[in-house]
Amino acid sequence: MFRRTFWFTAGAAAGVWATAKVNRKLKRLTPESLAAQAADKAIETGHKLKDFALDVREGMVRREAELGGALGLEAPVDPELPVRRHFAVEAAEPAPGSHSYRTLPYNPNNRNEDH
């Protein structure tokens, strides 16, 4: 008799536990809950990306200062004046009379044109 009572109680407890666990899982899988979880993840990812961008910017400023010191470059006298960026390669202007990539000559064999 004691055995039957024990197993009946154990089975009932397992059933209650399983039912509660399934109900909890079903609540987590509702559309509203999934939308809230996705929004939380998106906000968390946004914060991580912002922190990463700030770290990168800080590293860039630090490295630029190191390179400026090593190369003997000085900061502008007036901090309100814009800093002119120096590029390693200047963009070349197309020669007069030459066709740039924007104005290609007419090609009668071009099948992509509307006829």
PDB file of N, CA and C in Angstrom:
ATOM      1  N   MET A   1       0.815  -1.182   0.000  1.00  0.00           N
ATOM      2  CA  MET A   1       0.000   0.000   0.000  1.00  0.00           C
ATOM      3  C   MET A   1       0.873   1.266   0.000  1.00  0.00           C
ATOM      4  N   PHE A   2       1.928   1.249   0.813  1.00  0.00           N
ATOM      5  CA  PHE A   2       2.818   2.392   0.883  1.00  0.00           C
ATOM      6  C   PHE A   2       3.503   2.632  -0.456  1.00  0.00           C
ATOM      7  N   ARG A   3       3.862   1.537  -1.141  1.00  0.00           N
ATOM      8  CA  ARG A   3       4.516   1.661  -2.445  1.00  0.00           C
ATOM      9  C   ARG A   3       3.602   2.360  -3.448  1.00  0.00           C
ATOM     10  N   ARG A   4       2.384   1.954  -3.502  1.00  0.00           N
ATOM     11  CA  ARG A   4       1.447   2.547  -4.439  1.00  0.00           C
ATOM     12  C   ARG A   4       1.248   4.037  -4.156  1.00  0.00           C
ATOM     13  N   THR A   5       1.138   4.391  -2.915  1.00  0.00           N
ATOM     14  CA  THR A   5       0.978   5.796  -2.534  1.00  0.00           C
ATOM     15  C   THR A   5       2.217   6.593  -2.942  1.00  0.00           C
ATOM     16  N   PHE A   6       3.397   6.022  -2.678  1.00  0.00           N
ATOM     17  CA  PHE A   6       4.646   6.682  -3.049  1.00  0.00           C
ATOM     18  C   PHE A   6       4.696   6.936  -4.559  1.00  0.00           C
ATOM     19  N   TRP A   7       4.444   5.914  -5.372  1.00  0.00           N
ATOM     20  CA  TRP A   7       4.538   6.049  -6.827  1.00  0.00           C
ATOM     21  C   TRP A   7       3.429   6.942  -7.367  1.00  0.00           C
ATOM     22  N   PHE A   8       2.258   6.886  -6.769  1.00  0.00           N
ATOM     23  CA  PHE A   8       1.192   7.780  -7.185  1.00  0.00           C
ATOM     24  C   PHE A   8       1.581   9.229  -6.922  1.00  0.00           C
ATOM     25  N   THR A   9       2.132   9.498  -5.738  1.00  0.00           N
ATOM     26  CA  THR A   9       2.567  10.856  -5.389  1.00  0.00           C
ATOM     27  C   THR A   9       3.709  11.304  -6.289  1.00  0.00           C
ATOM     28  N   ALA A  10       4.668  10.396  -6.527  1.00  0.00           N
ATOM     29  CA  ALA A  10       5.799  10.736  -7.399  1.00  0.00           C
ATOM     30  C   ALA A  10       5.302  11.039  -8.821  1.00  0.00           C
ATOM     31  N   GLY A  11       4.384  10.269  -9.318  1.00  0.00           N
ATOM     32  CA  GLY A  11       3.824  10.500 -10.655  1.00  0.00           C
ATOM     33  C   GLY A  11       3.051  11.802 -10.732  1.00  0.00           C
ATOM     34  N   ALA A  12       2.267  12.080  -9.701  1.00  0.00           N
ATOM     35  CA  ALA A  12       1.505  13.332  -9.678  1.00  0.00           C
ATOM     36  C   ALA A  12       2.451  14.528  -9.628  1.00  0.00           C
ATOM     37  N   ALA A  13       3.493  14.442  -8.820  1.00  0.00           N
ATOM     38  CA  ALA A  13       4.469  15.532  -8.721  1.00  0.00           C
ATOM     39  C   ALA A  13       5.189  15.724 -10.056  1.00  0.00           C
ATOM     40  N   ALA A  14       5.567  14.632 -10.706  1.00  0.00           N
ATOM     41  CA  ALA A  14       6.229  14.725 -12.010  1.00  0.00           C
ATOM     42  C   ALA A  14       5.284  15.335 -13.041  1.00  0.00           C
ATOM     43  N   GLY A  15       4.020  14.986 -12.989  1.00  0.00           N
ATOM     44  CA  GLY A  15       3.040  15.557 -13.910  1.00  0.00           C
ATOM     45  C   GLY A  15       2.854  17.048 -13.696  1.00  0.00           C
ATOM     46  N   VAL A  16       2.777  17.461 -12.440  1.00  0.00           N
ATOM     47  CA  VAL A  16       2.634  18.889 -12.132  1.00  0.00           C
ATOM     48  C   VAL A  16       3.880  19.644 -12.604  1.00  0.00           C
ATOM     49  N   TRP A  17       5.046  19.070 -12.314  1.00  0.00           N
ATOM     50  CA  TRP A  17       6.306  19.710 -12.727  1.00  0.00           C
ATOM     51  C   TRP A  17       6.381  19.830 -14.254  1.00  0.00           C
ATOM     52  N   ALA A  18       6.048  18.757 -14.961  1.00  0.00           N
ATOM     53  CA  ALA A  18       6.109  18.768 -16.426  1.00  0.00           C
ATOM     54  C   ALA A  18       5.089  19.743 -17.005  1.00  0.00           C
ATOM     55  N   THR A  19       3.900  19.788 -16.438  1.00  0.00           N
ATOM     56  CA  THR A  19       2.876  20.708 -16.920  1.00  0.00           C
ATOM     57  C   THR A  19       3.315  22.156 -16.721  1.00  0.00           C
ATOM     58  N   ALA A  20       3.875  22.450 -15.559  1.00  0.00           N
ATOM     59  CA  ALA A  20       4.349  23.810 -15.294  1.00  0.00           C
ATOM     60  C   ALA A  20       5.473  24.184 -16.260  1.00  0.00           C
ATOM     61  N   LYS A  21       6.383  23.237 -16.506  1.00  0.00           N
ATOM     62  CA  LYS A  21       7.502  23.505 -17.412  1.00  0.00           C
ATOM     63  C   LYS A  21       6.997  23.736 -18.834  1.00  0.00           C
ATOM     64  N   VAL A  22       6.052  22.942 -19.294  1.00  0.00           N
ATOM     65  CA  VAL A  22       5.509  23.101 -20.643  1.00  0.00           C
ATOM     66  C   VAL A  22       4.767  24.428 -20.758  1.00  0.00           C
ATOM     67  N   ASN A  23       3.979  24.786 -19.749  1.00  0.00           N
ATOM     68  CA  ASN A  23       3.258  26.057 -19.783  1.00  0.00           C
ATOM     69  C   ASN A  23       4.219  27.244 -19.814  1.00  0.00           C
ATOM     70  N   ARG A  24       5.305  27.162 -19.043  1.00  0.00           N
ATOM     71  CA  ARG A  24       6.322  28.211 -19.046  1.00  0.00           C
ATOM     72  C   ARG A  24       6.952  28.344 -20.434  1.00  0.00           C
ATOM     73  N   LYS A  25       7.253  27.216 -21.054  1.00  0.00           N
ATOM     74  CA  LYS A  25       7.872  27.218 -22.390  1.00  0.00           C
ATOM     75  C   LYS A  25       6.886  27.778 -23.418  1.00  0.00           C
ATOM     76  N   LEU A  26       5.609  27.420 -23.302  1.00  0.00           N
ATOM     77  CA  LEU A  26       4.612  27.938 -24.236  1.00  0.00           C
ATOM     78  C   LEU A  26       4.454  29.451 -24.101  1.00  0.00           C
ATOM     79  N   LYS A  27       4.549  29.966 -22.884  1.00  0.00           N
ATOM     80  CA  LYS A  27       4.453  31.411 -22.700  1.00  0.00           C
ATOM     81  C   LYS A  27       5.649  32.121 -23.329  1.00  0.00           C
ATOM     82  N   ARG A  28       6.808  31.483 -23.281  1.00  0.00           N
ATOM     83  CA  ARG A  28       8.004  32.084 -23.882  1.00  0.00           C
ATOM     84  C   ARG A  28       7.944  32.058 -25.405  1.00  0.00           C
ATOM     85  N   LEU A  29       7.109  31.196 -25.971  1.00  0.00           N
ATOM     86  CA  LEU A  29       7.028  31.069 -27.418  1.00  0.00           C
ATOM     87  C   LEU A  29       5.840  31.807 -28.032  1.00  0.00           C
ATOM     88  N   THR A  30       5.158  32.628 -27.248  1.00  0.00           N
ATOM     89  CA  THR A  30       4.075  33.419 -27.821  1.00  0.00           C
ATOM     90  C   THR A  30       4.678  34.531 -28.681  1.00  0.00           C
ATOM     91  N   PRO A  31       3.936  35.019 -29.672  1.00  0.00           N
ATOM     92  CA  PRO A  31       4.477  36.073 -30.538  1.00  0.00           C
ATOM     93  C   PRO A  31       4.917  37.326 -29.770  1.00  0.00           C
ATOM     94  N   GLU A  32       4.153  37.709 -28.756  1.00  0.00           N
ATOM     95  CA  GLU A  32       4.510  38.900 -27.980  1.00  0.00           C
ATOM     96  C   GLU A  32       5.831  38.689 -27.241  1.00  0.00           C
ATOM     97  N   SER A  33       5.980  37.515 -26.658  1.00  0.00           N
ATOM     98  CA  SER A  33       7.208  37.219 -25.926  1.00  0.00           C
ATOM     99  C   SER A  33       8.407  37.139 -26.864  1.00  0.00           C
ATOM    100  N   LEU A  34       8.217  36.518 -28.029  1.00  0.00           N
ATOM    101  CA  LEU A  34       9.310  36.433 -28.996  1.00  0.00           C
ATOM    102  C   LEU A  34       9.696  37.821 -29.507  1.00  0.00           C
ATOM    103  N   ALA A  35       8.698  38.688 -29.722  1.00  0.00           N
ATOM    104  CA  ALA A  35       8.983  40.053 -30.169  1.00  0.00           C
ATOM    105  C   ALA A  35       9.755  40.814 -29.099  1.00  0.00           C
ATOM    106  N   ALA A  36       9.366  40.632 -27.839  1.00  0.00           N
ATOM    107  CA  ALA A  36      10.073  41.308 -26.750  1.00  0.00           C
ATOM    108  C   ALA A  36      11.506  40.795 -26.632  1.00  0.00           C
ATOM    109  N   GLN A  37      11.696  39.485 -26.784  1.00  0.00           N
ATOM    110  CA  GLN A  37      13.050  38.924 -26.722  1.00  0.00           C
ATOM    111  C   GLN A  37      13.901  39.452 -27.874  1.00  0.00           C
ATOM    112  N   ALA A  38      13.327  39.536 -29.066  1.00  0.00           N
ATOM    113  CA  ALA A  38      14.070  40.045 -30.222  1.00  0.00           C
ATOM    114  C   ALA A  38      14.434  41.514 -30.020  1.00  0.00           C
ATOM    115  N   ALA A  39      13.511  42.293 -29.465  1.00  0.00           N
ATOM    116  CA  ALA A  39      13.792  43.702 -29.211  1.00  0.00           C
ATOM    117  C   ALA A  39      14.904  43.850 -28.182  1.00  0.00           C
ATOM    118  N   ASP A  40      14.863  43.041 -27.133  1.00  0.00           N
ATOM    119  CA  ASP A  40      15.917  43.088 -26.122  1.00  0.00           C
ATOM    120  C   ASP A  40      17.272  42.738 -26.720  1.00  0.00           C
ATOM    121  N   LYS A  41      17.312  41.709 -27.568  1.00  0.00           N
ATOM    122  CA  LYS A  41      18.574  41.318 -28.216  1.00  0.00           C
ATOM    123  C   LYS A  41      19.072  42.422 -29.144  1.00  0.00           C
ATOM    124  N   ALA A  42      18.147  43.066 -29.870  1.00  0.00           N
ATOM    125  CA  ALA A  42      18.542  44.140 -30.782  1.00  0.00           C
ATOM    126  C   ALA A  42      19.123  45.319 -30.010  1.00  0.00           C
ATOM    127  N   ILE A  43      18.503  45.668 -28.894  1.00  0.00           N
ATOM    128  CA  ILE A  43      19.013  46.769 -28.075  1.00  0.00           C
ATOM    129  C   ILE A  43      20.376  46.409 -27.507  1.00  0.00           C
ATOM    130  N   GLU A  44      20.515  45.188 -27.031  1.00  0.00           N
ATOM    131  CA  GLU A  44      21.802  44.739 -26.487  1.00  0.00           C
ATOM    132  C   GLU A  44      22.891  44.772 -27.565  1.00  0.00           C
ATOM    133  N   THR A  45      22.555  44.319 -28.772  1.00  0.00           N
ATOM    134  CA  THR A  45      23.513  44.335 -29.877  1.00  0.00           C
ATOM    135  C   THR A  45      23.868  45.769 -30.255  1.00  0.00           C
ATOM    136  N   GLY A  46      22.890  46.657 -30.240  1.00  0.00           N
ATOM    137  CA  GLY A  46      23.149  48.066 -30.525  1.00  0.00           C
ATOM    138  C   GLY A  46      24.112  48.677 -29.525  1.00  0.00           C
ATOM    139  N   HIS A  47      23.934  48.355 -28.253  1.00  0.00           N
ATOM    140  CA  HIS A  47      24.848  48.862 -27.228  1.00  0.00           C
ATOM    141  C   HIS A  47      26.261  48.321 -27.439  1.00  0.00           C
ATOM    142  N   LYS A  48      26.359  47.039 -27.793  1.00  0.00           N
ATOM    143  CA  LYS A  48      27.674  46.454 -28.036  1.00  0.00           C
ATOM    144  C   LYS A  48      28.351  47.098 -29.242  1.00  0.00           C
ATOM    145  N   LEU A  49      27.586  47.352 -30.313  1.00  0.00           N
ATOM    146  CA  LEU A  49      28.145  48.002 -31.495  1.00  0.00           C
ATOM    147  C   LEU A  49      28.584  49.432 -31.187  1.00  0.00           C
ATOM    148  N   LYS A  50      27.795  50.132 -30.391  1.00  0.00           N
ATOM    149  CA  LYS A  50      28.154  51.503 -30.010  1.00  0.00           C
ATOM    150  C   LYS A  50      29.445  51.500 -29.198  1.00  0.00           C
ATOM    151  N   ASP A  51      29.550  50.585 -28.233  1.00  0.00           N
ATOM    152  CA  ASP A  51      30.779  50.479 -27.440  1.00  0.00           C
ATOM    153  C   ASP A  51      31.974  50.147 -28.319  1.00  0.00           C
ATOM    154  N   PHE A  52      31.775  49.241 -29.288  1.00  0.00           N
ATOM    155  CA  PHE A  52      32.857  48.884 -30.201  1.00  0.00           C
ATOM    156  C   PHE A  52      33.286  50.090 -31.030  1.00  0.00           C
ATOM    157  N   ALA A  53      32.307  50.843 -31.550  1.00  0.00           N
ATOM    158  CA  ALA A  53      32.628  52.015 -32.363  1.00  0.00           C
ATOM    159  C   ALA A  53      33.373  53.066 -31.540  1.00  0.00           C
ATOM    160  N   LEU A  54      32.967  53.255 -30.292  1.00  0.00           N
ATOM    161  CA  LEU A  54      33.663  54.215 -29.433  1.00  0.00           C
ATOM    162  C   LEU A  54      35.087  53.758 -29.143  1.00  0.00           C
ATOM    163  N   ASP A  55      35.276  52.455 -28.930  1.00  0.00           N
ATOM    164  CA  ASP A  55      36.630  51.929 -28.711  1.00  0.00           C
ATOM    165  C   ASP A  55      37.496  52.115 -29.950  1.00  0.00           C
ATOM    166  N   VAL A  56      36.920  51.865 -31.111  1.00  0.00           N
ATOM    167  CA  VAL A  56      37.674  52.037 -32.365  1.00  0.00           C
ATOM    168  C   VAL A  56      38.047  53.501 -32.547  1.00  0.00           C
ATOM    169  N   ARG A  57      37.101  54.396 -32.305  1.00  0.00           N
ATOM    170  CA  ARG A  57      37.378  55.826 -32.461  1.00  0.00           C
ATOM    171  C   ARG A  57      38.471  56.271 -31.488  1.00  0.00           C
ATOM    172  N   GLU A  58      38.399  55.793 -30.245  1.00  0.00           N
ATOM    173  CA  GLU A  58      39.421  56.147 -29.264  1.00  0.00           C
ATOM    174  C   GLU A  58      40.794  55.644 -29.714  1.00  0.00           C
ATOM    175  N   GLY A  59      40.843  54.419 -30.222  1.00  0.00           N
ATOM    176  CA  GLY A  59      42.106  53.872 -30.721  1.00  0.00           C
ATOM    177  C   GLY A  59      42.626  54.643 -31.921  1.00  0.00           C
ATOM    178  N   MET A  60      41.721  55.076 -32.798  1.00  0.00           N
ATOM    179  CA  MET A  60      42.140  55.854 -33.961  1.00  0.00           C
ATOM    180  C   MET A  60      42.751  57.184 -33.535  1.00  0.00           C
ATOM    181  N   VAL A  61      42.106  57.852 -32.589  1.00  0.00           N
ATOM    182  CA  VAL A  61      42.624  59.139 -32.117  1.00  0.00           C
ATOM    183  C   VAL A  61      43.984  58.949 -31.469  1.00  0.00           C
ATOM    184  N   ARG A  62      44.105  57.905 -30.657  1.00  0.00           N
ATOM    185  CA  ARG A  62      45.374  57.637 -29.984  1.00  0.00           C
ATOM    186  C   ARG A  62      46.475  57.342 -31.002  1.00  0.00           C
ATOM    187  N   ARG A  63      46.165  56.499 -31.986  1.00  0.00           N
ATOM    188  CA  ARG A  63      47.171  56.131 -32.987  1.00  0.00           C
ATOM    189  C   ARG A  63      47.523  57.318 -33.878  1.00  0.00           C
ATOM    190  N   GLU A  64      46.517  58.143 -34.208  1.00  0.00           N
ATOM    191  CA  GLU A  64      46.780  59.328 -35.018  1.00  0.00           C
ATOM    192  C   GLU A  64      47.702  60.289 -34.271  1.00  0.00           C
ATOM    193  N   ALA A  65      47.502  60.416 -32.954  1.00  0.00           N
ATOM    194  CA  ALA A  65      48.390  61.267 -32.158  1.00  0.00           C
ATOM    195  C   ALA A  65      49.805  60.688 -32.135  1.00  0.00           C
ATOM    196  N   GLU A  66      49.917  59.368 -32.010  1.00  0.00           N
ATOM    197  CA  GLU A  66      51.241  58.737 -32.022  1.00  0.00           C
ATOM    198  C   GLU A  66      51.940  58.971 -33.360  1.00  0.00           C
ATOM    199  N   LEU A  67      51.205  58.768 -34.455  1.00  0.00           N
ATOM    200  CA  LEU A  67      51.794  58.969 -35.776  1.00  0.00           C
ATOM    201  C   LEU A  67      52.134  60.433 -36.014  1.00  0.00           C
ATOM    202  N   GLY A  68      51.257  61.332 -35.567  1.00  0.00           N
ATOM    203  CA  GLY A  68      51.535  62.763 -35.715  1.00  0.00           C
ATOM    204  C   GLY A  68      52.796  63.162 -34.961  1.00  0.00           C
ATOM    205  N   GLY A  69      52.983  62.602 -33.766  1.00  0.00           N
ATOM    206  CA  GLY A  69      54.198  62.893 -33.004  1.00  0.00           C
ATOM    207  C   GLY A  69      55.428  62.306 -33.664  1.00  0.00           C
ATOM    208  N   ALA A  70      55.297  61.087 -34.199  1.00  0.00           N
ATOM    209  CA  ALA A  70      56.441  60.437 -34.836  1.00  0.00           C
ATOM    210  C   ALA A  70      56.829  61.137 -36.133  1.00  0.00           C
ATOM    211  N   LEU A  71      55.845  61.683 -36.869  1.00  0.00           N
ATOM    212  CA  LEU A  71      56.124  62.331 -38.136  1.00  0.00           C
ATOM    213  C   LEU A  71      56.376  63.828 -37.996  1.00  0.00           C
ATOM    214  N   GLY A  72      56.207  64.348 -36.799  1.00  0.00           N
ATOM    215  CA  GLY A  72      56.454  65.767 -36.566  1.00  0.00           C
ATOM    216  C   GLY A  72      55.340  66.663 -37.055  1.00  0.00           C
ATOM    217  N   LEU A  73      54.157  66.141 -37.212  1.00  0.00           N
ATOM    218  CA  LEU A  73      53.017  66.952 -37.631  1.00  0.00           C
ATOM    219  C   LEU A  73      52.466  67.685 -36.426  1.00  0.00           C
ATOM    220  N   GLU A  74      52.043  68.912 -36.646  1.00  0.00           N
ATOM    221  CA  GLU A  74      51.510  69.705 -35.545  1.00  0.00           C
ATOM    222  C   GLU A  74      50.021  69.922 -35.736  1.00  0.00           C
ATOM    223  N   ALA A  75      49.333  70.131 -34.652  1.00  0.00           N
ATOM    224  CA  ALA A  75      47.899  70.414 -34.703  1.00  0.00           C
ATOM    225  C   ALA A  75      47.705  71.831 -35.210  1.00  0.00           C
ATOM    226  N   PRO A  76      46.549  72.158 -35.812  1.00  0.00           N
ATOM    227  CA  PRO A  76      46.314  73.532 -36.271  1.00  0.00           C
ATOM    228  C   PRO A  76      46.316  74.503 -35.094  1.00  0.00           C
ATOM    229  N   VAL A  77      46.714  75.759 -35.375  1.00  0.00           N
ATOM    230  CA  VAL A  77      46.804  76.763 -34.319  1.00  0.00           C
ATOM    231  C   VAL A  77      45.433  77.070 -33.744  1.00  0.00           C
ATOM    232  N   ASP A  78      44.463  77.286 -34.608  1.00  0.00           N
ATOM    233  CA  ASP A  78      43.109  77.593 -34.165  1.00  0.00           C
ATOM    234  C   ASP A  78      42.279  76.318 -34.199  1.00  0.00           C
ATOM    235  N   PRO A  79      41.788  75.845 -33.042  1.00  0.00           N
ATOM    236  CA  PRO A  79      41.040  74.581 -33.038  1.00  0.00           C
ATOM    237  C   PRO A  79      39.715  74.660 -33.796  1.00  0.00           C
ATOM    238  N   GLU A  80      39.215  75.875 -34.071  1.00  0.00           N
ATOM    239  CA  GLU A  80      37.964  75.976 -34.812  1.00  0.00           C
ATOM    240  C   GLU A  80      38.166  75.850 -36.311  1.00  0.00           C
ATOM    241  N   LEU A  81      39.415  75.991 -36.782  1.00  0.00           N
ATOM    242  CA  LEU A  81      39.689  75.823 -38.204  1.00  0.00           C
ATOM    243  C   LEU A  81      39.596  74.355 -38.563  1.00  0.00           C
ATOM    244  N   PRO A  82      39.032  74.047 -39.733  1.00  0.00           N
ATOM    245  CA  PRO A  82      38.956  72.632 -40.125  1.00  0.00           C
ATOM    246  C   PRO A  82      40.339  72.100 -40.482  1.00  0.00           C
ATOM    247  N   VAL A  83      40.550  70.854 -40.172  1.00  0.00           N
ATOM    248  CA  VAL A  83      41.805  70.200 -40.485  1.00  0.00           C
ATOM    249  C   VAL A  83      41.721  69.701 -41.919  1.00  0.00           C
ATOM    250  N   ARG A  84      42.720  70.057 -42.733  1.00  0.00           N
ATOM    251  CA  ARG A  84      42.735  69.597 -44.124  1.00  0.00           C
ATOM    252  C   ARG A  84      43.375  68.218 -44.142  1.00  0.00           C
ATOM    253  N   ARG A  85      42.650  67.279 -44.689  1.00  0.00           N
ATOM    254  CA  ARG A  85      43.166  65.921 -44.800  1.00  0.00           C
ATOM    255  C   ARG A  85      44.103  65.839 -45.994  1.00  0.00           C
ATOM    256  N   HIS A  86      45.222  65.166 -45.805  1.00  0.00           N
ATOM    257  CA  HIS A  86      46.167  64.945 -46.885  1.00  0.00           C
ATOM    258  C   HIS A  86      46.028  63.494 -47.316  1.00  0.00           C
ATOM    259  N   PHE A  87      45.760  63.299 -48.597  1.00  0.00           N
ATOM    260  CA  PHE A  87      45.591  61.956 -49.116  1.00  0.00           C
ATOM    261  C   PHE A  87      46.877  61.511 -49.790  1.00  0.00           C
ATOM    262  N   ALA A  88      47.184  60.238 -49.687  1.00  0.00           N
ATOM    263  CA  ALA A  88      48.394  59.702 -50.284  1.00  0.00           C
ATOM    264  C   ALA A  88      48.341  59.806 -51.798  1.00  0.00           C
ATOM    265  N   VAL A  89      47.179  59.613 -52.391  1.00  0.00           N
ATOM    266  CA  VAL A  89      47.010  59.688 -53.835  1.00  0.00           C
ATOM    267  C   VAL A  89      45.892  60.681 -54.116  1.00  0.00           C
ATOM    268  N   GLU A  90      46.204  61.698 -54.881  1.00  0.00           N
ATOM    269  CA  GLU A  90      45.191  62.688 -55.245  1.00  0.00           C
ATOM    270  C   GLU A  90      44.382  62.154 -56.421  1.00  0.00           C
ATOM    271  N   ALA A  91      43.120  62.439 -56.464  1.00  0.00           N
ATOM    272  CA  ALA A  91      42.268  62.006 -57.568  1.00  0.00           C
ATOM    273  C   ALA A  91      42.617  62.822 -58.801  1.00  0.00           C
ATOM    274  N   ALA A  92      42.925  62.154 -59.898  1.00  0.00           N
ATOM    275  CA  ALA A  92      43.304  62.827 -61.133  1.00  0.00           C
ATOM    276  C   ALA A  92      42.057  63.218 -61.912  1.00  0.00           C
ATOM    277  N   GLU A  93      42.087  64.410 -62.481  1.00  0.00           N
ATOM    278  CA  GLU A  93      40.991  64.868 -63.327  1.00  0.00           C
ATOM    279  C   GLU A  93      41.149  64.225 -64.703  1.00  0.00           C
ATOM    280  N   PRO A  94      40.057  63.844 -65.346  1.00  0.00           N
ATOM    281  CA  PRO A  94      40.191  63.273 -66.693  1.00  0.00           C
ATOM    282  C   PRO A  94      40.707  64.324 -67.665  1.00  0.00           C
ATOM    283  N   ALA A  95      41.502  63.886 -68.616  1.00  0.00           N
ATOM    284  CA  ALA A  95      42.073  64.790 -69.611  1.00  0.00           C
ATOM    285  C   ALA A  95      40.956  65.344 -70.488  1.00  0.00           C
ATOM    286  N   PRO A  96      41.122  66.582 -70.969  1.00  0.00           N
ATOM    287  CA  PRO A  96      40.083  67.153 -71.850  1.00  0.00           C
ATOM    288  C   PRO A  96      39.929  66.304 -73.100  1.00  0.00           C
ATOM    289  N   GLY A  97      38.698  66.061 -73.488  1.00  0.00           N
ATOM    290  CA  GLY A  97      38.420  65.275 -74.673  1.00  0.00           C
ATOM    291  C   GLY A  97      38.353  63.782 -74.416  1.00  0.00           C
ATOM    292  N   SER A  98      38.843  63.330 -73.264  1.00  0.00           N
ATOM    293  CA  SER A  98      38.765  61.894 -72.978  1.00  0.00           C
ATOM    294  C   SER A  98      37.412  61.599 -72.342  1.00  0.00           C
ATOM    295  N   HIS A  99      37.024  60.379 -72.441  1.00  0.00           N
ATOM    296  CA  HIS A  99      35.735  59.981 -71.890  1.00  0.00           C
ATOM    297  C   HIS A  99      35.941  59.461 -70.483  1.00  0.00           C
ATOM    298  N   SER A 100      35.219  60.025 -69.555  1.00  0.00           N
ATOM    299  CA  SER A 100      35.299  59.511 -68.188  1.00  0.00           C
ATOM    300  C   SER A 100      34.361  58.326 -68.068  1.00  0.00           C
ATOM    301  N   TYR A 101      34.345  57.693 -66.921  1.00  0.00           N
ATOM    302  CA  TYR A 101      33.487  56.527 -66.730  1.00  0.00           C
ATOM    303  C   TYR A 101      32.017  56.904 -66.743  1.00  0.00           C
ATOM    304  N   ARG A 102      31.710  58.175 -66.588  1.00  0.00           N
ATOM    305  CA  ARG A 102      30.317  58.597 -66.549  1.00  0.00           C
ATOM    306  C   ARG A 102      29.755  58.833 -67.949  1.00  0.00           C
ATOM    307  N   THR A 103      30.584  59.276 -68.882  1.00  0.00           N
ATOM    308  CA  THR A 103      30.103  59.559 -70.224  1.00  0.00           C
ATOM    309  C   THR A 103      30.809  58.635 -71.203  1.00  0.00           C
ATOM    310  N   LEU A 104      30.299  57.451 -71.343  1.00  0.00           N
ATOM    311  CA  LEU A 104      30.884  56.484 -72.259  1.00  0.00           C
ATOM    312  C   LEU A 104      30.411  56.767 -73.680  1.00  0.00           C
ATOM    313  N   PRO A 105      31.247  56.476 -74.666  1.00  0.00           N
ATOM    314  CA  PRO A 105      30.814  56.702 -76.049  1.00  0.00           C
ATOM    315  C   PRO A 105      29.682  55.750 -76.411  1.00  0.00           C
ATOM    316  N   TYR A 106      28.909  56.162 -77.419  1.00  0.00           N
ATOM    317  CA  TYR A 106      27.781  55.349 -77.862  1.00  0.00           C
ATOM    318  C   TYR A 106      28.303  54.080 -78.522  1.00  0.00           C
ATOM    319  N   ASN A 107      27.737  52.946 -78.147  1.00  0.00           N
ATOM    320  CA  ASN A 107      28.123  51.660 -78.724  1.00  0.00           C
ATOM    321  C   ASN A 107      26.874  51.048 -79.347  1.00  0.00           C
ATOM    322  N   PRO A 108      26.839  50.902 -80.682  1.00  0.00           N
ATOM    323  CA  PRO A 108      25.620  50.362 -81.312  1.00  0.00           C
ATOM    324  C   PRO A 108      25.371  48.903 -80.968  1.00  0.00           C
ATOM    325  N   ASN A 109      26.348  48.195 -80.443  1.00  0.00           N
ATOM    326  CA  ASN A 109      26.178  46.783 -80.106  1.00  0.00           C
ATOM    327  C   ASN A 109      25.743  46.558 -78.664  1.00  0.00           C
ATOM    328  N   ASN A 110      25.496  47.625 -77.962  1.00  0.00           N
ATOM    329  CA  ASN A 110      25.081  47.503 -76.570  1.00  0.00           C
ATOM    330  C   ASN A 110      23.637  47.044 -76.529  1.00  0.00           C
ATOM    331  N   ARG A 111      23.397  45.840 -76.043  1.00  0.00           N
ATOM    332  CA  ARG A 111      22.049  45.275 -76.016  1.00  0.00           C
ATOM    333  C   ARG A 111      21.274  45.667 -74.765  1.00  0.00           C
ATOM    334  N   ASN A 112      21.884  46.402 -73.861  1.00  0.00           N
ATOM    335  CA  ASN A 112      21.219  46.793 -72.638  1.00  0.00           C
ATOM    336  C   ASN A 112      20.451  48.092 -72.771  1.00  0.00           C
ATOM    337  N   GLU A 113      20.568  48.758 -73.923  1.00  0.00           N
ATOM    338  CA  GLU A 113      19.857  50.004 -74.118  1.00  0.00           C
ATOM    339  C   GLU A 113      18.413  49.726 -74.517  1.00  0.00           C
ATOM    340  N   ASP A 114      17.553  50.660 -74.216  1.00  0.00           N
ATOM    341  CA  ASP A 114      16.159  50.565 -74.650  1.00  0.00           C
ATOM    342  C   ASP A 114      16.101  50.966 -76.120  1.00  0.00           C
ATOM    343  N   HIS A 115      15.489  50.158 -76.965  1.00  0.00           N
ATOM    344  CA  HIS A 115      15.399  50.463 -78.397  1.00  0.00           C
ATOM    345  C   HIS A 115      13.990  50.798 -78.764  1.00  0.00           C
TER     346      HIS A 115
END
